[in-house]
Amino acid sequence: LQNMEMIQFHPTLLGTPQRAYGLVS
């Protein structure tokens, strides 16, 4: 597995520590 640091992720979510309800742009 290469370049795994390039995973797209989003640091701010609307939700709880257990569940995301959506992204906060």
PDBML (XML) file of the C-alpha atoms, coordinates in Angstrom:
<?xml version="1.0" encoding="UTF-8" ?>
<PDBx:datablock datablockName="MODEL"
   xmlns:PDBx="http://pdbml.pdb.org/schema/pdbx-v50.xsd"
   xmlns:xsi="http://www.w3.org/2001/XMLSchema-instance"
   xsi:schemaLocation="http://pdbml.pdb.org/schema/pdbx-v50.xsd pdbx-v50.xsd">
   <PDBx:atom_siteCategory>
      <PDBx:atom_site id="1">
         <PDBx:B_iso_or_equiv>0.00</PDBx:B_iso_or_equiv>
         <PDBx:Cartn_x>0.000</PDBx:Cartn_x>
         <PDBx:Cartn_y>0.000</PDBx:Cartn_y>
         <PDBx:Cartn_z>0.000</PDBx:Cartn_z>
         <PDBx:auth_asym_id>A</PDBx:auth_asym_id>
         <PDBx:auth_atom_id>CA</PDBx:auth_atom_id>
         <PDBx:auth_comp_id>LEU</PDBx:auth_comp_id>
         <PDBx:auth_seq_id>1</PDBx:auth_seq_id>
         <PDBx:group_PDB>ATOM</PDBx:group_PDB>
         <PDBx:label_alt_id xsi:nil="true" />
         <PDBx:label_asym_id>A</PDBx:label_asym_id>
         <PDBx:label_atom_id>CA</PDBx:label_atom_id>
         <PDBx:label_comp_id>LEU</PDBx:label_comp_id>
         <PDBx:label_entity_id>1</PDBx:label_entity_id>
         <PDBx:label_seq_id>1</PDBx:label_seq_id>
         <PDBx:occupancy>1.00</PDBx:occupancy>
         <PDBx:pdbx_PDB_model_num>1</PDBx:pdbx_PDB_model_num>
         <PDBx:type_symbol>C</PDBx:type_symbol>
      </PDBx:atom_site>
      <PDBx:atom_site id="2">
         <PDBx:B_iso_or_equiv>0.00</PDBx:B_iso_or_equiv>
         <PDBx:Cartn_x>1.604</PDBx:Cartn_x>
         <PDBx:Cartn_y>3.244</PDBx:Cartn_y>
         <PDBx:Cartn_z>-1.143</PDBx:Cartn_z>
         <PDBx:auth_asym_id>A</PDBx:auth_asym_id>
         <PDBx:auth_atom_id>CA</PDBx:auth_atom_id>
         <PDBx:auth_comp_id>GLN</PDBx:auth_comp_id>
         <PDBx:auth_seq_id>2</PDBx:auth_seq_id>
         <PDBx:group_PDB>ATOM</PDBx:group_PDB>
         <PDBx:label_alt_id xsi:nil="true" />
         <PDBx:label_asym_id>A</PDBx:label_asym_id>
         <PDBx:label_atom_id>CA</PDBx:label_atom_id>
         <PDBx:label_comp_id>GLN</PDBx:label_comp_id>
         <PDBx:label_entity_id>1</PDBx:label_entity_id>
         <PDBx:label_seq_id>2</PDBx:label_seq_id>
         <PDBx:occupancy>1.00</PDBx:occupancy>
         <PDBx:pdbx_PDB_model_num>1</PDBx:pdbx_PDB_model_num>
         <PDBx:type_symbol>C</PDBx:type_symbol>
      </PDBx:atom_site>
      <PDBx:atom_site id="3">
         <PDBx:B_iso_or_equiv>0.00</PDBx:B_iso_or_equiv>
         <PDBx:Cartn_x>0.856</PDBx:Cartn_x>
         <PDBx:Cartn_y>6.938</PDBx:Cartn_y>
         <PDBx:Cartn_z>-0.713</PDBx:Cartn_z>
         <PDBx:auth_asym_id>A</PDBx:auth_asym_id>
         <PDBx:auth_atom_id>CA</PDBx:auth_atom_id>
         <PDBx:auth_comp_id>ASN</PDBx:auth_comp_id>
         <PDBx:auth_seq_id>3</PDBx:auth_seq_id>
         <PDBx:group_PDB>ATOM</PDBx:group_PDB>
         <PDBx:label_alt_id xsi:nil="true" />
         <PDBx:label_asym_id>A</PDBx:label_asym_id>
         <PDBx:label_atom_id>CA</PDBx:label_atom_id>
         <PDBx:label_comp_id>ASN</PDBx:label_comp_id>
         <PDBx:label_entity_id>1</PDBx:label_entity_id>
         <PDBx:label_seq_id>3</PDBx:label_seq_id>
         <PDBx:occupancy>1.00</PDBx:occupancy>
         <PDBx:pdbx_PDB_model_num>1</PDBx:pdbx_PDB_model_num>
         <PDBx:type_symbol>C</PDBx:type_symbol>
      </PDBx:atom_site>
      <PDBx:atom_site id="4">
         <PDBx:B_iso_or_equiv>0.00</PDBx:B_iso_or_equiv>
         <PDBx:Cartn_x>-1.664</PDBx:Cartn_x>
         <PDBx:Cartn_y>6.243</PDBx:Cartn_y>
         <PDBx:Cartn_z>2.032</PDBx:Cartn_z>
         <PDBx:auth_asym_id>A</PDBx:auth_asym_id>
         <PDBx:auth_atom_id>CA</PDBx:auth_atom_id>
         <PDBx:auth_comp_id>MET</PDBx:auth_comp_id>
         <PDBx:auth_seq_id>4</PDBx:auth_seq_id>
         <PDBx:group_PDB>ATOM</PDBx:group_PDB>
         <PDBx:label_alt_id xsi:nil="true" />
         <PDBx:label_asym_id>A</PDBx:label_asym_id>
         <PDBx:label_atom_id>CA</PDBx:label_atom_id>
         <PDBx:label_comp_id>MET</PDBx:label_comp_id>
         <PDBx:label_entity_id>1</PDBx:label_entity_id>
         <PDBx:label_seq_id>4</PDBx:label_seq_id>
         <PDBx:occupancy>1.00</PDBx:occupancy>
         <PDBx:pdbx_PDB_model_num>1</PDBx:pdbx_PDB_model_num>
         <PDBx:type_symbol>C</PDBx:type_symbol>
      </PDBx:atom_site>
      <PDBx:atom_site id="5">
         <PDBx:B_iso_or_equiv>0.00</PDBx:B_iso_or_equiv>
         <PDBx:Cartn_x>-1.021</PDBx:Cartn_x>
         <PDBx:Cartn_y>9.715</PDBx:Cartn_y>
         <PDBx:Cartn_z>3.438</PDBx:Cartn_z>
         <PDBx:auth_asym_id>A</PDBx:auth_asym_id>
         <PDBx:auth_atom_id>CA</PDBx:auth_atom_id>
         <PDBx:auth_comp_id>GLU</PDBx:auth_comp_id>
         <PDBx:auth_seq_id>5</PDBx:auth_seq_id>
         <PDBx:group_PDB>ATOM</PDBx:group_PDB>
         <PDBx:label_alt_id xsi:nil="true" />
         <PDBx:label_asym_id>A</PDBx:label_asym_id>
         <PDBx:label_atom_id>CA</PDBx:label_atom_id>
         <PDBx:label_comp_id>GLU</PDBx:label_comp_id>
         <PDBx:label_entity_id>1</PDBx:label_entity_id>
         <PDBx:label_seq_id>5</PDBx:label_seq_id>
         <PDBx:occupancy>1.00</PDBx:occupancy>
         <PDBx:pdbx_PDB_model_num>1</PDBx:pdbx_PDB_model_num>
         <PDBx:type_symbol>C</PDBx:type_symbol>
      </PDBx:atom_site>
      <PDBx:atom_site id="6">
         <PDBx:B_iso_or_equiv>0.00</PDBx:B_iso_or_equiv>
         <PDBx:Cartn_x>-2.856</PDBx:Cartn_x>
         <PDBx:Cartn_y>11.007</PDBx:Cartn_y>
         <PDBx:Cartn_z>0.367</PDBx:Cartn_z>
         <PDBx:auth_asym_id>A</PDBx:auth_asym_id>
         <PDBx:auth_atom_id>CA</PDBx:auth_atom_id>
         <PDBx:auth_comp_id>MET</PDBx:auth_comp_id>
         <PDBx:auth_seq_id>6</PDBx:auth_seq_id>
         <PDBx:group_PDB>ATOM</PDBx:group_PDB>
         <PDBx:label_alt_id xsi:nil="true" />
         <PDBx:label_asym_id>A</PDBx:label_asym_id>
         <PDBx:label_atom_id>CA</PDBx:label_atom_id>
         <PDBx:label_comp_id>MET</PDBx:label_comp_id>
         <PDBx:label_entity_id>1</PDBx:label_entity_id>
         <PDBx:label_seq_id>6</PDBx:label_seq_id>
         <PDBx:occupancy>1.00</PDBx:occupancy>
         <PDBx:pdbx_PDB_model_num>1</PDBx:pdbx_PDB_model_num>
         <PDBx:type_symbol>C</PDBx:type_symbol>
      </PDBx:atom_site>
      <PDBx:atom_site id="7">
         <PDBx:B_iso_or_equiv>0.00</PDBx:B_iso_or_equiv>
         <PDBx:Cartn_x>-6.206</PDBx:Cartn_x>
         <PDBx:Cartn_y>9.710</PDBx:Cartn_y>
         <PDBx:Cartn_z>1.604</PDBx:Cartn_z>
         <PDBx:auth_asym_id>A</PDBx:auth_asym_id>
         <PDBx:auth_atom_id>CA</PDBx:auth_atom_id>
         <PDBx:auth_comp_id>ILE</PDBx:auth_comp_id>
         <PDBx:auth_seq_id>7</PDBx:auth_seq_id>
         <PDBx:group_PDB>ATOM</PDBx:group_PDB>
         <PDBx:label_alt_id xsi:nil="true" />
         <PDBx:label_asym_id>A</PDBx:label_asym_id>
         <PDBx:label_atom_id>CA</PDBx:label_atom_id>
         <PDBx:label_comp_id>ILE</PDBx:label_comp_id>
         <PDBx:label_entity_id>1</PDBx:label_entity_id>
         <PDBx:label_seq_id>7</PDBx:label_seq_id>
         <PDBx:occupancy>1.00</PDBx:occupancy>
         <PDBx:pdbx_PDB_model_num>1</PDBx:pdbx_PDB_model_num>
         <PDBx:type_symbol>C</PDBx:type_symbol>
      </PDBx:atom_site>
      <PDBx:atom_site id="8">
         <PDBx:B_iso_or_equiv>0.00</PDBx:B_iso_or_equiv>
         <PDBx:Cartn_x>-8.757</PDBx:Cartn_x>
         <PDBx:Cartn_y>12.455</PDBx:Cartn_y>
         <PDBx:Cartn_z>1.169</PDBx:Cartn_z>
         <PDBx:auth_asym_id>A</PDBx:auth_asym_id>
         <PDBx:auth_atom_id>CA</PDBx:auth_atom_id>
         <PDBx:auth_comp_id>GLN</PDBx:auth_comp_id>
         <PDBx:auth_seq_id>8</PDBx:auth_seq_id>
         <PDBx:group_PDB>ATOM</PDBx:group_PDB>
         <PDBx:label_alt_id xsi:nil="true" />
         <PDBx:label_asym_id>A</PDBx:label_asym_id>
         <PDBx:label_atom_id>CA</PDBx:label_atom_id>
         <PDBx:label_comp_id>GLN</PDBx:label_comp_id>
         <PDBx:label_entity_id>1</PDBx:label_entity_id>
         <PDBx:label_seq_id>8</PDBx:label_seq_id>
         <PDBx:occupancy>1.00</PDBx:occupancy>
         <PDBx:pdbx_PDB_model_num>1</PDBx:pdbx_PDB_model_num>
         <PDBx:type_symbol>C</PDBx:type_symbol>
      </PDBx:atom_site>
      <PDBx:atom_site id="9">
         <PDBx:B_iso_or_equiv>0.00</PDBx:B_iso_or_equiv>
         <PDBx:Cartn_x>-10.191</PDBx:Cartn_x>
         <PDBx:Cartn_y>13.389</PDBx:Cartn_y>
         <PDBx:Cartn_z>4.507</PDBx:Cartn_z>
         <PDBx:auth_asym_id>A</PDBx:auth_asym_id>
         <PDBx:auth_atom_id>CA</PDBx:auth_atom_id>
         <PDBx:auth_comp_id>PHE</PDBx:auth_comp_id>
         <PDBx:auth_seq_id>9</PDBx:auth_seq_id>
         <PDBx:group_PDB>ATOM</PDBx:group_PDB>
         <PDBx:label_alt_id xsi:nil="true" />
         <PDBx:label_asym_id>A</PDBx:label_asym_id>
         <PDBx:label_atom_id>CA</PDBx:label_atom_id>
         <PDBx:label_comp_id>PHE</PDBx:label_comp_id>
         <PDBx:label_entity_id>1</PDBx:label_entity_id>
         <PDBx:label_seq_id>9</PDBx:label_seq_id>
         <PDBx:occupancy>1.00</PDBx:occupancy>
         <PDBx:pdbx_PDB_model_num>1</PDBx:pdbx_PDB_model_num>
         <PDBx:type_symbol>C</PDBx:type_symbol>
      </PDBx:atom_site>
      <PDBx:atom_site id="10">
         <PDBx:B_iso_or_equiv>0.00</PDBx:B_iso_or_equiv>
         <PDBx:Cartn_x>-12.133</PDBx:Cartn_x>
         <PDBx:Cartn_y>16.241</PDBx:Cartn_y>
         <PDBx:Cartn_z>5.998</PDBx:Cartn_z>
         <PDBx:auth_asym_id>A</PDBx:auth_asym_id>
         <PDBx:auth_atom_id>CA</PDBx:auth_atom_id>
         <PDBx:auth_comp_id>HIS</PDBx:auth_comp_id>
         <PDBx:auth_seq_id>10</PDBx:auth_seq_id>
         <PDBx:group_PDB>ATOM</PDBx:group_PDB>
         <PDBx:label_alt_id xsi:nil="true" />
         <PDBx:label_asym_id>A</PDBx:label_asym_id>
         <PDBx:label_atom_id>CA</PDBx:label_atom_id>
         <PDBx:label_comp_id>HIS</PDBx:label_comp_id>
         <PDBx:label_entity_id>1</PDBx:label_entity_id>
         <PDBx:label_seq_id>10</PDBx:label_seq_id>
         <PDBx:occupancy>1.00</PDBx:occupancy>
         <PDBx:pdbx_PDB_model_num>1</PDBx:pdbx_PDB_model_num>
         <PDBx:type_symbol>C</PDBx:type_symbol>
      </PDBx:atom_site>
      <PDBx:atom_site id="11">
         <PDBx:B_iso_or_equiv>0.00</PDBx:B_iso_or_equiv>
         <PDBx:Cartn_x>-11.138</PDBx:Cartn_x>
         <PDBx:Cartn_y>17.598</PDBx:Cartn_y>
         <PDBx:Cartn_z>9.401</PDBx:Cartn_z>
         <PDBx:auth_asym_id>A</PDBx:auth_asym_id>
         <PDBx:auth_atom_id>CA</PDBx:auth_atom_id>
         <PDBx:auth_comp_id>PRO</PDBx:auth_comp_id>
         <PDBx:auth_seq_id>11</PDBx:auth_seq_id>
         <PDBx:group_PDB>ATOM</PDBx:group_PDB>
         <PDBx:label_alt_id xsi:nil="true" />
         <PDBx:label_asym_id>A</PDBx:label_asym_id>
         <PDBx:label_atom_id>CA</PDBx:label_atom_id>
         <PDBx:label_comp_id>PRO</PDBx:label_comp_id>
         <PDBx:label_entity_id>1</PDBx:label_entity_id>
         <PDBx:label_seq_id>11</PDBx:label_seq_id>
         <PDBx:occupancy>1.00</PDBx:occupancy>
         <PDBx:pdbx_PDB_model_num>1</PDBx:pdbx_PDB_model_num>
         <PDBx:type_symbol>C</PDBx:type_symbol>
      </PDBx:atom_site>
      <PDBx:atom_site id="12">
         <PDBx:B_iso_or_equiv>0.00</PDBx:B_iso_or_equiv>
         <PDBx:Cartn_x>-14.475</PDBx:Cartn_x>
         <PDBx:Cartn_y>19.181</PDBx:Cartn_y>
         <PDBx:Cartn_z>10.338</PDBx:Cartn_z>
         <PDBx:auth_asym_id>A</PDBx:auth_asym_id>
         <PDBx:auth_atom_id>CA</PDBx:auth_atom_id>
         <PDBx:auth_comp_id>THR</PDBx:auth_comp_id>
         <PDBx:auth_seq_id>12</PDBx:auth_seq_id>
         <PDBx:group_PDB>ATOM</PDBx:group_PDB>
         <PDBx:label_alt_id xsi:nil="true" />
         <PDBx:label_asym_id>A</PDBx:label_asym_id>
         <PDBx:label_atom_id>CA</PDBx:label_atom_id>
         <PDBx:label_comp_id>THR</PDBx:label_comp_id>
         <PDBx:label_entity_id>1</PDBx:label_entity_id>
         <PDBx:label_seq_id>12</PDBx:label_seq_id>
         <PDBx:occupancy>1.00</PDBx:occupancy>
         <PDBx:pdbx_PDB_model_num>1</PDBx:pdbx_PDB_model_num>
         <PDBx:type_symbol>C</PDBx:type_symbol>
      </PDBx:atom_site>
      <PDBx:atom_site id="13">
         <PDBx:B_iso_or_equiv>0.00</PDBx:B_iso_or_equiv>
         <PDBx:Cartn_x>-17.661</PDBx:Cartn_x>
         <PDBx:Cartn_y>17.147</PDBx:Cartn_y>
         <PDBx:Cartn_z>10.593</PDBx:Cartn_z>
         <PDBx:auth_asym_id>A</PDBx:auth_asym_id>
         <PDBx:auth_atom_id>CA</PDBx:auth_atom_id>
         <PDBx:auth_comp_id>LEU</PDBx:auth_comp_id>
         <PDBx:auth_seq_id>13</PDBx:auth_seq_id>
         <PDBx:group_PDB>ATOM</PDBx:group_PDB>
         <PDBx:label_alt_id xsi:nil="true" />
         <PDBx:label_asym_id>A</PDBx:label_asym_id>
         <PDBx:label_atom_id>CA</PDBx:label_atom_id>
         <PDBx:label_comp_id>LEU</PDBx:label_comp_id>
         <PDBx:label_entity_id>1</PDBx:label_entity_id>
         <PDBx:label_seq_id>13</PDBx:label_seq_id>
         <PDBx:occupancy>1.00</PDBx:occupancy>
         <PDBx:pdbx_PDB_model_num>1</PDBx:pdbx_PDB_model_num>
         <PDBx:type_symbol>C</PDBx:type_symbol>
      </PDBx:atom_site>
      <PDBx:atom_site id="14">
         <PDBx:B_iso_or_equiv>0.00</PDBx:B_iso_or_equiv>
         <PDBx:Cartn_x>-21.043</PDBx:Cartn_x>
         <PDBx:Cartn_y>17.869</PDBx:Cartn_y>
         <PDBx:Cartn_z>12.093</PDBx:Cartn_z>
         <PDBx:auth_asym_id>A</PDBx:auth_asym_id>
         <PDBx:auth_atom_id>CA</PDBx:auth_atom_id>
         <PDBx:auth_comp_id>LEU</PDBx:auth_comp_id>
         <PDBx:auth_seq_id>14</PDBx:auth_seq_id>
         <PDBx:group_PDB>ATOM</PDBx:group_PDB>
         <PDBx:label_alt_id xsi:nil="true" />
         <PDBx:label_asym_id>A</PDBx:label_asym_id>
         <PDBx:label_atom_id>CA</PDBx:label_atom_id>
         <PDBx:label_comp_id>LEU</PDBx:label_comp_id>
         <PDBx:label_entity_id>1</PDBx:label_entity_id>
         <PDBx:label_seq_id>14</PDBx:label_seq_id>
         <PDBx:occupancy>1.00</PDBx:occupancy>
         <PDBx:pdbx_PDB_model_num>1</PDBx:pdbx_PDB_model_num>
         <PDBx:type_symbol>C</PDBx:type_symbol>
      </PDBx:atom_site>
      <PDBx:atom_site id="15">
         <PDBx:B_iso_or_equiv>0.00</PDBx:B_iso_or_equiv>
         <PDBx:Cartn_x>-21.841</PDBx:Cartn_x>
         <PDBx:Cartn_y>15.121</PDBx:Cartn_y>
         <PDBx:Cartn_z>14.564</PDBx:Cartn_z>
         <PDBx:auth_asym_id>A</PDBx:auth_asym_id>
         <PDBx:auth_atom_id>CA</PDBx:auth_atom_id>
         <PDBx:auth_comp_id>GLY</PDBx:auth_comp_id>
         <PDBx:auth_seq_id>15</PDBx:auth_seq_id>
         <PDBx:group_PDB>ATOM</PDBx:group_PDB>
         <PDBx:label_alt_id xsi:nil="true" />
         <PDBx:label_asym_id>A</PDBx:label_asym_id>
         <PDBx:label_atom_id>CA</PDBx:label_atom_id>
         <PDBx:label_comp_id>GLY</PDBx:label_comp_id>
         <PDBx:label_entity_id>1</PDBx:label_entity_id>
         <PDBx:label_seq_id>15</PDBx:label_seq_id>
         <PDBx:occupancy>1.00</PDBx:occupancy>
         <PDBx:pdbx_PDB_model_num>1</PDBx:pdbx_PDB_model_num>
         <PDBx:type_symbol>C</PDBx:type_symbol>
      </PDBx:atom_site>
      <PDBx:atom_site id="16">
         <PDBx:B_iso_or_equiv>0.00</PDBx:B_iso_or_equiv>
         <PDBx:Cartn_x>-20.707</PDBx:Cartn_x>
         <PDBx:Cartn_y>13.283</PDBx:Cartn_y>
         <PDBx:Cartn_z>17.646</PDBx:Cartn_z>
         <PDBx:auth_asym_id>A</PDBx:auth_asym_id>
         <PDBx:auth_atom_id>CA</PDBx:auth_atom_id>
         <PDBx:auth_comp_id>THR</PDBx:auth_comp_id>
         <PDBx:auth_seq_id>16</PDBx:auth_seq_id>
         <PDBx:group_PDB>ATOM</PDBx:group_PDB>
         <PDBx:label_alt_id xsi:nil="true" />
         <PDBx:label_asym_id>A</PDBx:label_asym_id>
         <PDBx:label_atom_id>CA</PDBx:label_atom_id>
         <PDBx:label_comp_id>THR</PDBx:label_comp_id>
         <PDBx:label_entity_id>1</PDBx:label_entity_id>
         <PDBx:label_seq_id>16</PDBx:label_seq_id>
         <PDBx:occupancy>1.00</PDBx:occupancy>
         <PDBx:pdbx_PDB_model_num>1</PDBx:pdbx_PDB_model_num>
         <PDBx:type_symbol>C</PDBx:type_symbol>
      </PDBx:atom_site>
      <PDBx:atom_site id="17">
         <PDBx:B_iso_or_equiv>0.00</PDBx:B_iso_or_equiv>
         <PDBx:Cartn_x>-17.485</PDBx:Cartn_x>
         <PDBx:Cartn_y>11.377</PDBx:Cartn_y>
         <PDBx:Cartn_z>18.344</PDBx:Cartn_z>
         <PDBx:auth_asym_id>A</PDBx:auth_asym_id>
         <PDBx:auth_atom_id>CA</PDBx:auth_atom_id>
         <PDBx:auth_comp_id>PRO</PDBx:auth_comp_id>
         <PDBx:auth_seq_id>17</PDBx:auth_seq_id>
         <PDBx:group_PDB>ATOM</PDBx:group_PDB>
         <PDBx:label_alt_id xsi:nil="true" />
         <PDBx:label_asym_id>A</PDBx:label_asym_id>
         <PDBx:label_atom_id>CA</PDBx:label_atom_id>
         <PDBx:label_comp_id>PRO</PDBx:label_comp_id>
         <PDBx:label_entity_id>1</PDBx:label_entity_id>
         <PDBx:label_seq_id>17</PDBx:label_seq_id>
         <PDBx:occupancy>1.00</PDBx:occupancy>
         <PDBx:pdbx_PDB_model_num>1</PDBx:pdbx_PDB_model_num>
         <PDBx:type_symbol>C</PDBx:type_symbol>
      </PDBx:atom_site>
      <PDBx:atom_site id="18">
         <PDBx:B_iso_or_equiv>0.00</PDBx:B_iso_or_equiv>
         <PDBx:Cartn_x>-19.328</PDBx:Cartn_x>
         <PDBx:Cartn_y>8.223</PDBx:Cartn_y>
         <PDBx:Cartn_z>17.233</PDBx:Cartn_z>
         <PDBx:auth_asym_id>A</PDBx:auth_asym_id>
         <PDBx:auth_atom_id>CA</PDBx:auth_atom_id>
         <PDBx:auth_comp_id>GLN</PDBx:auth_comp_id>
         <PDBx:auth_seq_id>18</PDBx:auth_seq_id>
         <PDBx:group_PDB>ATOM</PDBx:group_PDB>
         <PDBx:label_alt_id xsi:nil="true" />
         <PDBx:label_asym_id>A</PDBx:label_asym_id>
         <PDBx:label_atom_id>CA</PDBx:label_atom_id>
         <PDBx:label_comp_id>GLN</PDBx:label_comp_id>
         <PDBx:label_entity_id>1</PDBx:label_entity_id>
         <PDBx:label_seq_id>18</PDBx:label_seq_id>
         <PDBx:occupancy>1.00</PDBx:occupancy>
         <PDBx:pdbx_PDB_model_num>1</PDBx:pdbx_PDB_model_num>
         <PDBx:type_symbol>C</PDBx:type_symbol>
      </PDBx:atom_site>
      <PDBx:atom_site id="19">
         <PDBx:B_iso_or_equiv>0.00</PDBx:B_iso_or_equiv>
         <PDBx:Cartn_x>-21.245</PDBx:Cartn_x>
         <PDBx:Cartn_y>9.429</PDBx:Cartn_y>
         <PDBx:Cartn_z>14.182</PDBx:Cartn_z>
         <PDBx:auth_asym_id>A</PDBx:auth_asym_id>
         <PDBx:auth_atom_id>CA</PDBx:auth_atom_id>
         <PDBx:auth_comp_id>ARG</PDBx:auth_comp_id>
         <PDBx:auth_seq_id>19</PDBx:auth_seq_id>
         <PDBx:group_PDB>ATOM</PDBx:group_PDB>
         <PDBx:label_alt_id xsi:nil="true" />
         <PDBx:label_asym_id>A</PDBx:label_asym_id>
         <PDBx:label_atom_id>CA</PDBx:label_atom_id>
         <PDBx:label_comp_id>ARG</PDBx:label_comp_id>
         <PDBx:label_entity_id>1</PDBx:label_entity_id>
         <PDBx:label_seq_id>19</PDBx:label_seq_id>
         <PDBx:occupancy>1.00</PDBx:occupancy>
         <PDBx:pdbx_PDB_model_num>1</PDBx:pdbx_PDB_model_num>
         <PDBx:type_symbol>C</PDBx:type_symbol>
      </PDBx:atom_site>
      <PDBx:atom_site id="20">
         <PDBx:B_iso_or_equiv>0.00</PDBx:B_iso_or_equiv>
         <PDBx:Cartn_x>-20.921</PDBx:Cartn_x>
         <PDBx:Cartn_y>12.074</PDBx:Cartn_y>
         <PDBx:Cartn_z>11.497</PDBx:Cartn_z>
         <PDBx:auth_asym_id>A</PDBx:auth_asym_id>
         <PDBx:auth_atom_id>CA</PDBx:auth_atom_id>
         <PDBx:auth_comp_id>ALA</PDBx:auth_comp_id>
         <PDBx:auth_seq_id>20</PDBx:auth_seq_id>
         <PDBx:group_PDB>ATOM</PDBx:group_PDB>
         <PDBx:label_alt_id xsi:nil="true" />
         <PDBx:label_asym_id>A</PDBx:label_asym_id>
         <PDBx:label_atom_id>CA</PDBx:label_atom_id>
         <PDBx:label_comp_id>ALA</PDBx:label_comp_id>
         <PDBx:label_entity_id>1</PDBx:label_entity_id>
         <PDBx:label_seq_id>20</PDBx:label_seq_id>
         <PDBx:occupancy>1.00</PDBx:occupancy>
         <PDBx:pdbx_PDB_model_num>1</PDBx:pdbx_PDB_model_num>
         <PDBx:type_symbol>C</PDBx:type_symbol>
      </PDBx:atom_site>
      <PDBx:atom_site id="21">
         <PDBx:B_iso_or_equiv>0.00</PDBx:B_iso_or_equiv>
         <PDBx:Cartn_x>-24.039</PDBx:Cartn_x>
         <PDBx:Cartn_y>13.699</PDBx:Cartn_y>
         <PDBx:Cartn_z>10.122</PDBx:Cartn_z>
         <PDBx:auth_asym_id>A</PDBx:auth_asym_id>
         <PDBx:auth_atom_id>CA</PDBx:auth_atom_id>
         <PDBx:auth_comp_id>TYR</PDBx:auth_comp_id>
         <PDBx:auth_seq_id>21</PDBx:auth_seq_id>
         <PDBx:group_PDB>ATOM</PDBx:group_PDB>
         <PDBx:label_alt_id xsi:nil="true" />
         <PDBx:label_asym_id>A</PDBx:label_asym_id>
         <PDBx:label_atom_id>CA</PDBx:label_atom_id>
         <PDBx:label_comp_id>TYR</PDBx:label_comp_id>
         <PDBx:label_entity_id>1</PDBx:label_entity_id>
         <PDBx:label_seq_id>21</PDBx:label_seq_id>
         <PDBx:occupancy>1.00</PDBx:occupancy>
         <PDBx:pdbx_PDB_model_num>1</PDBx:pdbx_PDB_model_num>
         <PDBx:type_symbol>C</PDBx:type_symbol>
      </PDBx:atom_site>
      <PDBx:atom_site id="22">
         <PDBx:B_iso_or_equiv>0.00</PDBx:B_iso_or_equiv>
         <PDBx:Cartn_x>-22.272</PDBx:Cartn_x>
         <PDBx:Cartn_y>15.644</PDBx:Cartn_y>
         <PDBx:Cartn_z>7.401</PDBx:Cartn_z>
         <PDBx:auth_asym_id>A</PDBx:auth_asym_id>
         <PDBx:auth_atom_id>CA</PDBx:auth_atom_id>
         <PDBx:auth_comp_id>GLY</PDBx:auth_comp_id>
         <PDBx:auth_seq_id>22</PDBx:auth_seq_id>
         <PDBx:group_PDB>ATOM</PDBx:group_PDB>
         <PDBx:label_alt_id xsi:nil="true" />
         <PDBx:label_asym_id>A</PDBx:label_asym_id>
         <PDBx:label_atom_id>CA</PDBx:label_atom_id>
         <PDBx:label_comp_id>GLY</PDBx:label_comp_id>
         <PDBx:label_entity_id>1</PDBx:label_entity_id>
         <PDBx:label_seq_id>22</PDBx:label_seq_id>
         <PDBx:occupancy>1.00</PDBx:occupancy>
         <PDBx:pdbx_PDB_model_num>1</PDBx:pdbx_PDB_model_num>
         <PDBx:type_symbol>C</PDBx:type_symbol>
      </PDBx:atom_site>
      <PDBx:atom_site id="23">
         <PDBx:B_iso_or_equiv>0.00</PDBx:B_iso_or_equiv>
         <PDBx:Cartn_x>-19.295</PDBx:Cartn_x>
         <PDBx:Cartn_y>17.753</PDBx:Cartn_y>
         <PDBx:Cartn_z>6.426</PDBx:Cartn_z>
         <PDBx:auth_asym_id>A</PDBx:auth_asym_id>
         <PDBx:auth_atom_id>CA</PDBx:auth_atom_id>
         <PDBx:auth_comp_id>LEU</PDBx:auth_comp_id>
         <PDBx:auth_seq_id>23</PDBx:auth_seq_id>
         <PDBx:group_PDB>ATOM</PDBx:group_PDB>
         <PDBx:label_alt_id xsi:nil="true" />
         <PDBx:label_asym_id>A</PDBx:label_asym_id>
         <PDBx:label_atom_id>CA</PDBx:label_atom_id>
         <PDBx:label_comp_id>LEU</PDBx:label_comp_id>
         <PDBx:label_entity_id>1</PDBx:label_entity_id>
         <PDBx:label_seq_id>23</PDBx:label_seq_id>
         <PDBx:occupancy>1.00</PDBx:occupancy>
         <PDBx:pdbx_PDB_model_num>1</PDBx:pdbx_PDB_model_num>
         <PDBx:type_symbol>C</PDBx:type_symbol>
      </PDBx:atom_site>
      <PDBx:atom_site id="24">
         <PDBx:B_iso_or_equiv>0.00</PDBx:B_iso_or_equiv>
         <PDBx:Cartn_x>-18.759</PDBx:Cartn_x>
         <PDBx:Cartn_y>21.317</PDBx:Cartn_y>
         <PDBx:Cartn_z>7.535</PDBx:Cartn_z>
         <PDBx:auth_asym_id>A</PDBx:auth_asym_id>
         <PDBx:auth_atom_id>CA</PDBx:auth_atom_id>
         <PDBx:auth_comp_id>VAL</PDBx:auth_comp_id>
         <PDBx:auth_seq_id>24</PDBx:auth_seq_id>
         <PDBx:group_PDB>ATOM</PDBx:group_PDB>
         <PDBx:label_alt_id xsi:nil="true" />
         <PDBx:label_asym_id>A</PDBx:label_asym_id>
         <PDBx:label_atom_id>CA</PDBx:label_atom_id>
         <PDBx:label_comp_id>VAL</PDBx:label_comp_id>
         <PDBx:label_entity_id>1</PDBx:label_entity_id>
         <PDBx:label_seq_id>24</PDBx:label_seq_id>
         <PDBx:occupancy>1.00</PDBx:occupancy>
         <PDBx:pdbx_PDB_model_num>1</PDBx:pdbx_PDB_model_num>
         <PDBx:type_symbol>C</PDBx:type_symbol>
      </PDBx:atom_site>
      <PDBx:atom_site id="25">
         <PDBx:B_iso_or_equiv>0.00</PDBx:B_iso_or_equiv>
         <PDBx:Cartn_x>-17.232</PDBx:Cartn_x>
         <PDBx:Cartn_y>23.018</PDBx:Cartn_y>
         <PDBx:Cartn_z>4.516</PDBx:Cartn_z>
         <PDBx:auth_asym_id>A</PDBx:auth_asym_id>
         <PDBx:auth_atom_id>CA</PDBx:auth_atom_id>
         <PDBx:auth_comp_id>SER</PDBx:auth_comp_id>
         <PDBx:auth_seq_id>25</PDBx:auth_seq_id>
         <PDBx:group_PDB>ATOM</PDBx:group_PDB>
         <PDBx:label_alt_id xsi:nil="true" />
         <PDBx:label_asym_id>A</PDBx:label_asym_id>
         <PDBx:label_atom_id>CA</PDBx:label_atom_id>
         <PDBx:label_comp_id>SER</PDBx:label_comp_id>
         <PDBx:label_entity_id>1</PDBx:label_entity_id>
         <PDBx:label_seq_id>25</PDBx:label_seq_id>
         <PDBx:occupancy>1.00</PDBx:occupancy>
         <PDBx:pdbx_PDB_model_num>1</PDBx:pdbx_PDB_model_num>
         <PDBx:type_symbol>C</PDBx:type_symbol>
      </PDBx:atom_site>
   </PDBx:atom_siteCategory>
</PDBx:datablock>
